[in-house]
Amino acid sequence: MNMFQYLSYKKNNNRGFSIIEIVVTTSILVVITMAVLVKYPSFGGNVLVRALAYDVGLSIRQAQVFGLSVREFGAGTGLFDVGYGVHFDINNATSYRIFVDIDKDKTFDAGDGTERIFSIGQGFSIARICGTTVSSVEICSDVNNVSTLDVTFIRPDPDAFIRINGDAVTLYQSARIVVQSPQGKEREVTVESTGQISISQTQI
């Protein structure tokens, strides 16, 4: 094979992709892209609702730390002997607050202060709030007449005081706060009366 024949042979074998190969490759890329785009909102919703559940859990933990430590509410006020808690109102499902239990009645009321208000945006919300009594009866906002939930910590007691609808008589052994994404994905935060806080690892 002389040089001219070799160059002619090499030229004929460097044709690149055929039309059929390009169409097949493009079709595969389109199918993969469509699958990713269809699943993206669901994936993003799962990640963000889990992050929201962790934010709620961390807020409760923060109230626990504040309530069990010697922390002054407001510079120069001299208010050290106060409790701290987290207040949820199902009628305002896109926010919750860390409150200062000044009168130490273990519920949020007009006589208490607010440490911080957390806003929930982008279509996420608190789906329901629940409390379980010491007799293992759970009442929730979507079934029973439950509108508010308070989880309060007062030094030196490490336990959580759980109150539903401001009721200071009924004792609760645990509370559940269920958060929801716009796609309906849910995660829950559980608070035990012993002070333990846990986040569901799988969607409910």
Foldseek 3Di string as FASTA:
>chain_A
DDPVVVVVVVVVVPPPDDPVRVVVVVVVVVVVVVVCVVCVVVVVQVVVQLVVQVVVLVVQVVQLVQQQDQDDDDPPPPQRQWKWKKKDFQVQFFKIFIKIHSVPLQDDDPVIGTPDMDGHDDQKTFPKKWFAFPVGDIDMVVPDVFGMWMWMHHPPQSFTFIDTPSDSPTGTQKMKTWMAGNVGWIKIWMAGRNGDIDIDPHTD
